Amino acid sequence: MKRLFVVAFALVGAACTPQPDTSEAQGVIRDLYATVEEHIGRISTPLDAIPMTDELASLTSRAQVAALARNEPFIEGDIAANCQDCTSISGLEIGPQTGPEPVPAAEGHVMLEARFMLNGNEPRAVLYDMVETPQGWRIDNILTEGFNLRTESQSYLDDAAEPAEEIPAP
């Protein structure tokens, strides 16, 4: 009985815990999509136009340098628009995650989802892992179906660090 009371109390406490105000974080994402709209159809949104945490910005910057050293693109396409060679974006909605299996947010983080139509008829969703920093809300990761910016960046760095296969001497 005592255990049941503790569980019930914990559930009531969790239900009464106020959810963080995400309006400022949503504003950051809304501003990002204003930048996306400026670039769409011409060039991909530059990575430095995405308000990232210092850690994520450093990680992606190092991955870009590694890509340049290998004469390869780091990311092909627009991360924020989740597309390559896209021409338009419409119907932007920003809010909590939707879907049957939401990605859990780390402590102190908020997960926001941007939903929109790409090129007039392709529904897209991009998930932003947001954290409040002294500089304001910043993006700590970007996830889409089959893509995780942190994982891709780290993987690219790991691949770049692997020694090249030796070419046998003639």
N, C-alpha and C. Protein backbone atom coordinates (compact mmCIF):
# COMPACT_ATOMS: atom_id res chain seq x y z
N MET A 1 0.83 -1.18 0.00
CA MET A 1 0.00 0.00 0.00
C MET A 1 0.88 1.25 0.00
N LYS A 2 1.94 1.17 0.80
CA LYS A 2 2.84 2.30 0.88
C LYS A 2 3.47 2.59 -0.49
N ARG A 3 3.85 1.53 -1.20
CA ARG A 3 4.45 1.65 -2.53
C ARG A 3 3.47 2.28 -3.51
N LEU A 4 2.21 1.87 -3.45
CA LEU A 4 1.18 2.41 -4.33
C LEU A 4 1.03 3.91 -4.09
N PHE A 5 1.06 4.32 -2.83
CA PHE A 5 0.94 5.73 -2.49
C PHE A 5 2.12 6.52 -3.07
N VAL A 6 3.32 5.99 -2.95
CA VAL A 6 4.52 6.67 -3.46
C VAL A 6 4.43 6.81 -4.98
N VAL A 7 4.02 5.74 -5.67
CA VAL A 7 3.89 5.79 -7.12
C VAL A 7 2.82 6.81 -7.52
N ALA A 8 1.69 6.79 -6.86
CA ALA A 8 0.61 7.73 -7.17
C ALA A 8 1.09 9.17 -6.92
N PHE A 9 1.80 9.40 -5.84
CA PHE A 9 2.31 10.73 -5.53
C PHE A 9 3.29 11.21 -6.60
N ALA A 10 4.15 10.30 -7.05
CA ALA A 10 5.13 10.64 -8.09
C ALA A 10 4.44 11.00 -9.39
N LEU A 11 3.40 10.24 -9.74
CA LEU A 11 2.66 10.54 -10.97
C LEU A 11 1.95 11.88 -10.89
N VAL A 12 1.35 12.18 -9.76
CA VAL A 12 0.69 13.47 -9.58
C VAL A 12 1.72 14.59 -9.64
N GLY A 13 2.88 14.38 -9.03
CA GLY A 13 3.94 15.40 -9.07
C GLY A 13 4.43 15.63 -10.47
N ALA A 14 4.59 14.57 -11.24
CA ALA A 14 5.05 14.71 -12.62
C ALA A 14 4.01 15.43 -13.45
N ALA A 15 2.75 15.14 -13.23
CA ALA A 15 1.68 15.78 -13.99
C ALA A 15 1.57 17.25 -13.64
N CYS A 16 1.93 17.61 -12.42
CA CYS A 16 1.84 19.00 -11.98
C CYS A 16 3.10 19.80 -12.28
N THR A 17 4.15 19.13 -12.71
CA THR A 17 5.38 19.83 -13.03
C THR A 17 5.15 20.69 -14.26
N PRO A 18 5.38 21.99 -14.14
CA PRO A 18 5.12 22.84 -15.29
C PRO A 18 6.08 22.52 -16.44
N GLN A 19 5.54 22.50 -17.64
CA GLN A 19 6.35 22.29 -18.82
C GLN A 19 7.10 23.59 -19.11
N PRO A 20 8.34 23.49 -19.60
CA PRO A 20 9.09 24.71 -19.87
C PRO A 20 8.43 25.53 -20.97
N ASP A 21 8.56 26.83 -20.88
CA ASP A 21 8.05 27.72 -21.91
C ASP A 21 8.98 27.62 -23.11
N THR A 22 8.46 27.12 -24.20
CA THR A 22 9.28 26.92 -25.38
C THR A 22 9.06 28.00 -26.44
N SER A 23 8.33 29.05 -26.09
CA SER A 23 8.03 30.06 -27.11
C SER A 23 9.30 30.72 -27.66
N GLU A 24 10.29 30.97 -26.82
CA GLU A 24 11.53 31.56 -27.33
C GLU A 24 12.29 30.57 -28.20
N ALA A 25 12.31 29.30 -27.81
CA ALA A 25 12.96 28.27 -28.62
C ALA A 25 12.25 28.14 -29.96
N GLN A 26 10.93 28.19 -29.95
CA GLN A 26 10.17 28.14 -31.19
C GLN A 26 10.50 29.36 -32.06
N GLY A 27 10.72 30.50 -31.44
CA GLY A 27 11.09 31.71 -32.18
C GLY A 27 12.42 31.54 -32.89
N VAL A 28 13.37 30.86 -32.24
CA VAL A 28 14.67 30.60 -32.86
C VAL A 28 14.48 29.75 -34.12
N ILE A 29 13.64 28.73 -34.02
CA ILE A 29 13.39 27.86 -35.18
C ILE A 29 12.64 28.64 -36.26
N ARG A 30 11.69 29.46 -35.87
CA ARG A 30 10.96 30.28 -36.85
C ARG A 30 11.93 31.21 -37.59
N ASP A 31 12.86 31.83 -36.86
CA ASP A 31 13.87 32.70 -37.49
C ASP A 31 14.76 31.90 -38.44
N LEU A 32 15.10 30.67 -38.04
CA LEU A 32 15.91 29.81 -38.91
C LEU A 32 15.19 29.57 -40.24
N TYR A 33 13.89 29.31 -40.17
CA TYR A 33 13.15 29.05 -41.41
C TYR A 33 12.96 30.31 -42.25
N ALA A 34 13.03 31.47 -41.65
CA ALA A 34 13.05 32.71 -42.45
C ALA A 34 14.33 32.73 -43.28
N THR A 35 15.43 32.28 -42.68
CA THR A 35 16.71 32.19 -43.40
C THR A 35 16.63 31.11 -44.48
N VAL A 36 16.01 29.99 -44.17
CA VAL A 36 15.84 28.92 -45.16
C VAL A 36 15.10 29.47 -46.38
N GLU A 37 14.03 30.21 -46.13
CA GLU A 37 13.24 30.77 -47.24
C GLU A 37 14.04 31.75 -48.08
N GLU A 38 14.99 32.46 -47.47
CA GLU A 38 15.85 33.38 -48.22
C GLU A 38 16.75 32.62 -49.19
N HIS A 39 17.15 31.42 -48.83
CA HIS A 39 18.12 30.66 -49.62
C HIS A 39 17.49 29.60 -50.53
N ILE A 40 16.30 29.15 -50.20
CA ILE A 40 15.73 27.99 -50.90
C ILE A 40 15.61 28.26 -52.40
N GLY A 41 15.93 27.24 -53.15
CA GLY A 41 15.87 27.35 -54.60
C GLY A 41 17.14 27.88 -55.22
N ARG A 42 18.05 28.38 -54.38
CA ARG A 42 19.32 28.91 -54.89
C ARG A 42 20.50 28.15 -54.29
N ILE A 43 20.61 28.19 -52.97
CA ILE A 43 21.68 27.49 -52.26
C ILE A 43 21.12 26.91 -50.97
N SER A 44 21.83 25.96 -50.41
CA SER A 44 21.43 25.39 -49.12
C SER A 44 21.67 26.41 -48.02
N THR A 45 20.88 26.32 -46.98
CA THR A 45 21.07 27.18 -45.82
C THR A 45 22.47 26.93 -45.26
N PRO A 46 23.30 27.97 -45.16
CA PRO A 46 24.65 27.75 -44.62
C PRO A 46 24.60 27.24 -43.18
N LEU A 47 25.51 26.33 -42.85
CA LEU A 47 25.55 25.80 -41.49
C LEU A 47 25.77 26.90 -40.46
N ASP A 48 26.56 27.92 -40.82
CA ASP A 48 26.81 28.99 -39.84
C ASP A 48 25.59 29.89 -39.63
N ALA A 49 24.54 29.72 -40.42
CA ALA A 49 23.30 30.47 -40.22
C ALA A 49 22.37 29.74 -39.26
N ILE A 50 22.74 28.52 -38.88
CA ILE A 50 21.94 27.73 -37.94
C ILE A 50 22.46 28.00 -36.54
N PRO A 51 21.60 28.52 -35.64
CA PRO A 51 22.06 28.86 -34.29
C PRO A 51 22.32 27.63 -33.43
N MET A 52 23.54 27.11 -33.51
CA MET A 52 23.91 25.89 -32.80
C MET A 52 24.59 26.20 -31.47
N THR A 53 24.58 25.19 -30.60
CA THR A 53 25.39 25.29 -29.39
C THR A 53 26.85 25.33 -29.82
N ASP A 54 27.70 25.84 -28.96
CA ASP A 54 29.13 25.89 -29.28
C ASP A 54 29.68 24.50 -29.59
N GLU A 55 29.24 23.50 -28.84
CA GLU A 55 29.73 22.13 -29.04
C GLU A 55 29.33 21.59 -30.42
N LEU A 56 28.06 21.77 -30.80
CA LEU A 56 27.61 21.28 -32.10
C LEU A 56 28.26 22.07 -33.23
N ALA A 57 28.41 23.37 -33.06
CA ALA A 57 29.06 24.19 -34.09
C ALA A 57 30.50 23.75 -34.30
N SER A 58 31.20 23.46 -33.22
CA SER A 58 32.58 22.99 -33.32
C SER A 58 32.65 21.65 -34.03
N LEU A 59 31.76 20.74 -33.66
CA LEU A 59 31.73 19.42 -34.26
C LEU A 59 31.48 19.50 -35.77
N THR A 60 30.48 20.28 -36.17
CA THR A 60 30.16 20.38 -37.60
C THR A 60 31.25 21.13 -38.36
N SER A 61 31.86 22.10 -37.71
CA SER A 61 32.94 22.85 -38.35
C SER A 61 34.14 21.94 -38.62
N ARG A 62 34.49 21.12 -37.64
CA ARG A 62 35.60 20.18 -37.82
C ARG A 62 35.29 19.16 -38.92
N ALA A 63 34.03 18.72 -38.99
CA ALA A 63 33.63 17.78 -40.03
C ALA A 63 33.71 18.45 -41.41
N GLN A 64 33.34 19.72 -41.49
CA GLN A 64 33.45 20.45 -42.76
C GLN A 64 34.91 20.57 -43.19
N VAL A 65 35.80 20.86 -42.26
CA VAL A 65 37.23 20.97 -42.58
C VAL A 65 37.76 19.63 -43.08
N ALA A 66 37.35 18.55 -42.42
CA ALA A 66 37.77 17.22 -42.86
C ALA A 66 37.26 16.93 -44.27
N ALA A 67 36.05 17.35 -44.56
CA ALA A 67 35.48 17.13 -45.89
C ALA A 67 36.25 17.92 -46.95
N LEU A 68 36.57 19.17 -46.63
CA LEU A 68 37.34 19.99 -47.58
C LEU A 68 38.70 19.37 -47.86
N ALA A 69 39.33 18.83 -46.83
CA ALA A 69 40.64 18.21 -47.00
C ALA A 69 40.56 16.99 -47.93
N ARG A 70 39.40 16.37 -47.98
CA ARG A 70 39.21 15.19 -48.83
C ARG A 70 38.52 15.55 -50.15
N ASN A 71 38.32 16.85 -50.40
CA ASN A 71 37.61 17.31 -51.60
C ASN A 71 36.24 16.67 -51.73
N GLU A 72 35.54 16.60 -50.62
CA GLU A 72 34.20 16.03 -50.60
C GLU A 72 33.25 17.01 -49.93
N PRO A 73 31.98 16.93 -50.27
CA PRO A 73 31.02 17.74 -49.51
C PRO A 73 30.76 17.07 -48.16
N PHE A 74 30.60 17.86 -47.13
CA PHE A 74 30.27 17.29 -45.82
C PHE A 74 28.80 16.88 -45.80
N ILE A 75 27.94 17.80 -46.16
CA ILE A 75 26.51 17.53 -46.20
C ILE A 75 26.01 18.00 -47.57
N GLU A 76 25.34 17.14 -48.27
CA GLU A 76 24.76 17.54 -49.55
C GLU A 76 23.29 17.82 -49.31
N GLY A 77 22.90 19.05 -49.51
CA GLY A 77 21.51 19.42 -49.31
C GLY A 77 21.35 20.38 -48.16
N ASP A 78 20.12 20.71 -47.90
CA ASP A 78 19.77 21.68 -46.87
C ASP A 78 19.30 20.93 -45.63
N ILE A 79 20.06 21.05 -44.55
CA ILE A 79 19.73 20.33 -43.32
C ILE A 79 18.39 20.80 -42.75
N ALA A 80 18.19 22.10 -42.70
CA ALA A 80 16.97 22.63 -42.09
C ALA A 80 15.73 22.30 -42.92
N ALA A 81 15.86 22.29 -44.24
CA ALA A 81 14.71 21.99 -45.10
C ALA A 81 14.59 20.50 -45.38
N ASN A 82 15.60 19.71 -44.96
CA ASN A 82 15.58 18.27 -45.16
C ASN A 82 15.38 17.94 -46.64
N CYS A 83 16.21 18.56 -47.48
CA CYS A 83 16.05 18.33 -48.91
C CYS A 83 17.33 18.63 -49.68
N GLN A 84 17.29 18.23 -50.92
CA GLN A 84 18.36 18.54 -51.85
C GLN A 84 17.66 19.08 -53.10
N ASP A 85 18.15 20.17 -53.63
CA ASP A 85 17.55 20.79 -54.82
C ASP A 85 16.08 21.13 -54.62
N CYS A 86 15.74 21.66 -53.46
CA CYS A 86 14.36 22.03 -53.19
C CYS A 86 14.08 23.45 -53.69
N THR A 87 12.80 23.72 -53.93
CA THR A 87 12.44 25.02 -54.51
C THR A 87 11.53 25.86 -53.64
N SER A 88 10.76 25.23 -52.75
CA SER A 88 9.86 26.03 -51.92
C SER A 88 9.52 25.30 -50.63
N ILE A 89 9.08 26.08 -49.68
CA ILE A 89 8.64 25.56 -48.39
C ILE A 89 7.38 26.31 -48.00
N SER A 90 6.39 25.61 -47.47
CA SER A 90 5.15 26.28 -47.08
C SER A 90 4.53 25.55 -45.89
N GLY A 91 3.57 26.22 -45.26
CA GLY A 91 2.81 25.62 -44.18
C GLY A 91 3.63 25.28 -42.95
N LEU A 92 4.63 26.08 -42.62
CA LEU A 92 5.50 25.80 -41.48
C LEU A 92 4.72 25.81 -40.17
N GLU A 93 4.88 24.73 -39.41
CA GLU A 93 4.33 24.63 -38.05
C GLU A 93 5.45 24.17 -37.14
N ILE A 94 5.59 24.81 -36.00
CA ILE A 94 6.63 24.46 -35.03
C ILE A 94 5.95 24.15 -33.70
N GLY A 95 6.31 23.02 -33.13
CA GLY A 95 5.70 22.65 -31.86
C GLY A 95 6.31 21.38 -31.32
N PRO A 96 5.61 20.75 -30.39
CA PRO A 96 6.11 19.50 -29.82
C PRO A 96 6.16 18.41 -30.89
N GLN A 97 6.93 17.38 -30.61
CA GLN A 97 7.04 16.25 -31.52
C GLN A 97 5.69 15.58 -31.72
N THR A 98 5.53 15.06 -32.91
CA THR A 98 4.36 14.23 -33.19
C THR A 98 4.89 12.85 -33.54
N GLY A 99 4.03 11.92 -33.63
CA GLY A 99 4.46 10.58 -34.01
C GLY A 99 4.34 9.61 -32.86
N PRO A 100 4.35 8.33 -33.21
CA PRO A 100 4.11 7.30 -32.20
C PRO A 100 5.27 7.08 -31.23
N GLU A 101 6.50 7.38 -31.65
CA GLU A 101 7.66 7.14 -30.79
C GLU A 101 8.50 8.40 -30.67
N PRO A 102 8.12 9.31 -29.77
CA PRO A 102 8.88 10.55 -29.65
C PRO A 102 10.31 10.31 -29.15
N VAL A 103 11.22 11.12 -29.63
CA VAL A 103 12.62 11.05 -29.19
C VAL A 103 12.68 11.72 -27.83
N PRO A 104 13.22 11.05 -26.82
CA PRO A 104 13.28 11.67 -25.49
C PRO A 104 14.28 12.81 -25.46
N ALA A 105 13.95 13.85 -24.72
CA ALA A 105 14.84 14.99 -24.55
C ALA A 105 15.74 14.74 -23.35
N ALA A 106 17.01 15.09 -23.51
CA ALA A 106 17.94 15.01 -22.38
C ALA A 106 17.52 16.05 -21.33
N GLU A 107 17.98 15.86 -20.12
CA GLU A 107 17.64 16.80 -19.06
C GLU A 107 18.09 18.21 -19.45
N GLY A 108 17.20 19.17 -19.33
CA GLY A 108 17.50 20.54 -19.67
C GLY A 108 17.32 20.86 -21.15
N HIS A 109 16.96 19.87 -21.94
CA HIS A 109 16.74 20.06 -23.37
C HIS A 109 15.25 20.01 -23.69
N VAL A 110 14.90 20.57 -24.82
CA VAL A 110 13.53 20.54 -25.32
C VAL A 110 13.58 20.07 -26.76
N MET A 111 12.71 19.16 -27.12
CA MET A 111 12.62 18.69 -28.50
C MET A 111 11.47 19.42 -29.18
N LEU A 112 11.77 20.08 -30.29
CA LEU A 112 10.76 20.76 -31.09
C LEU A 112 10.77 20.21 -32.49
N GLU A 113 9.61 20.17 -33.10
CA GLU A 113 9.50 19.65 -34.44
C GLU A 113 8.99 20.74 -35.37
N ALA A 114 9.67 20.88 -36.51
CA ALA A 114 9.20 21.77 -37.57
C ALA A 114 8.56 20.88 -38.62
N ARG A 115 7.30 21.15 -38.94
CA ARG A 115 6.58 20.41 -39.97
C ARG A 115 6.23 21.39 -41.08
N PHE A 116 6.37 20.94 -42.33
CA PHE A 116 6.10 21.83 -43.46
C PHE A 116 5.91 21.02 -44.73
N MET A 117 5.50 21.70 -45.78
CA MET A 117 5.39 21.10 -47.10
C MET A 117 6.56 21.60 -47.93
N LEU A 118 7.22 20.68 -48.57
CA LEU A 118 8.35 21.00 -49.42
C LEU A 118 7.90 20.91 -50.87
N ASN A 119 8.29 21.89 -51.65
CA ASN A 119 7.96 21.92 -53.08
C ASN A 119 6.45 21.78 -53.33
N GLY A 120 5.66 22.21 -52.37
CA GLY A 120 4.20 22.22 -52.53
C GLY A 120 3.48 20.93 -52.23
N ASN A 121 4.19 19.78 -52.21
CA ASN A 121 3.44 18.54 -52.03
C ASN A 121 4.18 17.44 -51.26
N GLU A 122 5.33 17.76 -50.67
CA GLU A 122 6.09 16.74 -49.94
C GLU A 122 6.12 17.10 -48.45
N PRO A 123 5.36 16.37 -47.62
CA PRO A 123 5.40 16.67 -46.19
C PRO A 123 6.76 16.31 -45.60
N ARG A 124 7.28 17.20 -44.79
CA ARG A 124 8.58 17.00 -44.13
C ARG A 124 8.45 17.35 -42.66
N ALA A 125 9.33 16.74 -41.88
CA ALA A 125 9.43 17.06 -40.45
C ALA A 125 10.90 17.02 -40.08
N VAL A 126 11.32 18.01 -39.31
CA VAL A 126 12.69 18.09 -38.81
C VAL A 126 12.58 18.29 -37.31
N LEU A 127 13.34 17.50 -36.57
CA LEU A 127 13.32 17.55 -35.12
C LEU A 127 14.55 18.30 -34.62
N TYR A 128 14.34 19.26 -33.75
CA TYR A 128 15.42 20.07 -33.19
C TYR A 128 15.55 19.80 -31.70
N ASP A 129 16.76 19.43 -31.29
CA ASP A 129 17.10 19.25 -29.88
C ASP A 129 17.60 20.62 -29.42
N MET A 130 16.83 21.29 -28.60
CA MET A 130 17.14 22.66 -28.18
C MET A 130 17.58 22.70 -26.71
N VAL A 131 18.51 23.63 -26.44
CA VAL A 131 18.96 23.83 -25.07
C VAL A 131 19.13 25.33 -24.86
N GLU A 132 18.78 25.78 -23.67
CA GLU A 132 18.93 27.21 -23.35
C GLU A 132 20.35 27.45 -22.86
N THR A 133 21.02 28.39 -23.49
CA THR A 133 22.41 28.73 -23.17
C THR A 133 22.45 30.19 -22.72
N PRO A 134 23.60 30.67 -22.25
CA PRO A 134 23.69 32.09 -21.92
C PRO A 134 23.42 33.00 -23.13
N GLN A 135 23.60 32.47 -24.34
CA GLN A 135 23.33 33.24 -25.56
C GLN A 135 21.88 33.09 -26.01
N GLY A 136 21.07 32.37 -25.27
CA GLY A 136 19.68 32.12 -25.65
C GLY A 136 19.52 30.67 -26.08
N TRP A 137 18.36 30.34 -26.63
CA TRP A 137 18.11 28.97 -27.09
C TRP A 137 18.96 28.66 -28.30
N ARG A 138 19.58 27.48 -28.26
CA ARG A 138 20.44 27.05 -29.36
C ARG A 138 20.10 25.60 -29.71
N ILE A 139 20.40 25.25 -30.94
CA ILE A 139 20.17 23.90 -31.45
C ILE A 139 21.36 23.03 -31.06
N ASP A 140 21.07 21.90 -30.41
CA ASP A 140 22.13 20.99 -29.99
C ASP A 140 22.18 19.73 -30.85
N ASN A 141 21.17 19.55 -31.69
CA ASN A 141 21.18 18.46 -32.67
C ASN A 141 20.00 18.66 -33.62
N ILE A 142 20.14 18.11 -34.82
CA ILE A 142 19.08 18.14 -35.81
C ILE A 142 18.87 16.71 -36.27
N LEU A 143 17.61 16.27 -36.22
CA LEU A 143 17.29 14.91 -36.60
C LEU A 143 16.16 14.91 -37.62
N THR A 144 16.28 14.06 -38.60
CA THR A 144 15.21 13.80 -39.55
C THR A 144 15.20 12.29 -39.74
N GLU A 145 14.26 11.82 -40.51
CA GLU A 145 14.20 10.38 -40.75
C GLU A 145 15.52 9.91 -41.36
N GLY A 146 16.23 9.08 -40.62
CA GLY A 146 17.49 8.53 -41.11
C GLY A 146 18.68 9.46 -41.02
N PHE A 147 18.56 10.60 -40.34
CA PHE A 147 19.67 11.54 -40.25
C PHE A 147 19.76 12.10 -38.84
N ASN A 148 20.98 12.17 -38.33
CA ASN A 148 21.28 12.73 -37.02
C ASN A 148 22.55 13.55 -37.21
N LEU A 149 22.47 14.87 -37.10
CA LEU A 149 23.62 15.73 -37.40
C LEU A 149 24.82 15.41 -36.53
N ARG A 150 24.62 15.17 -35.26
CA ARG A 150 25.76 14.83 -34.38
C ARG A 150 26.43 13.53 -34.82
N THR A 151 25.62 12.52 -35.07
CA THR A 151 26.16 11.22 -35.46
C THR A 151 26.88 11.32 -36.80
N GLU A 152 26.27 12.02 -37.77
CA GLU A 152 26.89 12.18 -39.09
C GLU A 152 28.23 12.92 -38.98
N SER A 153 28.25 13.98 -38.18
CA SER A 153 29.47 14.76 -38.02
C SER A 153 30.57 13.92 -37.38
N GLN A 154 30.23 13.23 -36.30
CA GLN A 154 31.23 12.41 -35.62
C GLN A 154 31.70 11.27 -36.51
N SER A 155 30.79 10.67 -37.23
CA SER A 155 31.15 9.59 -38.14
C SER A 155 32.11 10.08 -39.22
N TYR A 156 31.84 11.27 -39.73
CA TYR A 156 32.71 11.83 -40.76
C TYR A 156 34.11 12.07 -40.19
N LEU A 157 34.18 12.58 -38.97
CA LEU A 157 35.49 12.80 -38.34
C LEU A 157 36.20 11.48 -38.08
N ASP A 158 35.45 10.47 -37.63
CA ASP A 158 36.05 9.16 -37.38
C ASP A 158 36.60 8.57 -38.68
N ASP A 159 35.84 8.69 -39.76
CA ASP A 159 36.29 8.18 -41.06
C ASP A 159 37.53 8.93 -41.54
N ALA A 160 37.56 10.24 -41.31
CA ALA A 160 38.69 11.05 -41.75
C ALA A 160 39.95 10.72 -40.95
N ALA A 161 39.77 10.25 -39.71
CA ALA A 161 40.91 9.94 -38.85
C ALA A 161 41.51 8.58 -39.14
N GLU A 162 40.76 7.72 -39.85
CA GLU A 162 41.28 6.39 -40.15
C GLU A 162 42.43 6.52 -41.13
N PRO A 163 43.48 5.76 -40.90
CA PRO A 163 44.60 5.84 -41.83
C PRO A 163 44.22 5.33 -43.22
N ALA A 164 44.73 5.99 -44.22
CA ALA A 164 44.47 5.57 -45.60
C ALA A 164 45.14 4.23 -45.84
N GLU A 165 44.53 3.44 -46.70
CA GLU A 165 45.14 2.16 -47.05
C GLU A 165 46.43 2.42 -47.80
N GLU A 166 47.42 1.65 -47.45
CA GLU A 166 48.71 1.82 -48.13
C GLU A 166 48.66 1.23 -49.52
N ILE A 167 49.24 1.94 -50.43
CA ILE A 167 49.33 1.44 -51.80
C ILE A 167 50.65 0.70 -51.90
N PRO A 168 50.61 -0.57 -52.31
CA PRO A 168 51.85 -1.33 -52.38
C PRO A 168 52.83 -0.71 -53.37
N ALA A 169 54.08 -0.78 -53.02
CA ALA A 169 55.13 -0.24 -53.89
C ALA A 169 55.24 -1.14 -55.12
N PRO A 170 55.53 -0.53 -56.29
CA PRO A 170 55.65 -1.35 -57.52
C PRO A 170 56.89 -2.22 -57.49
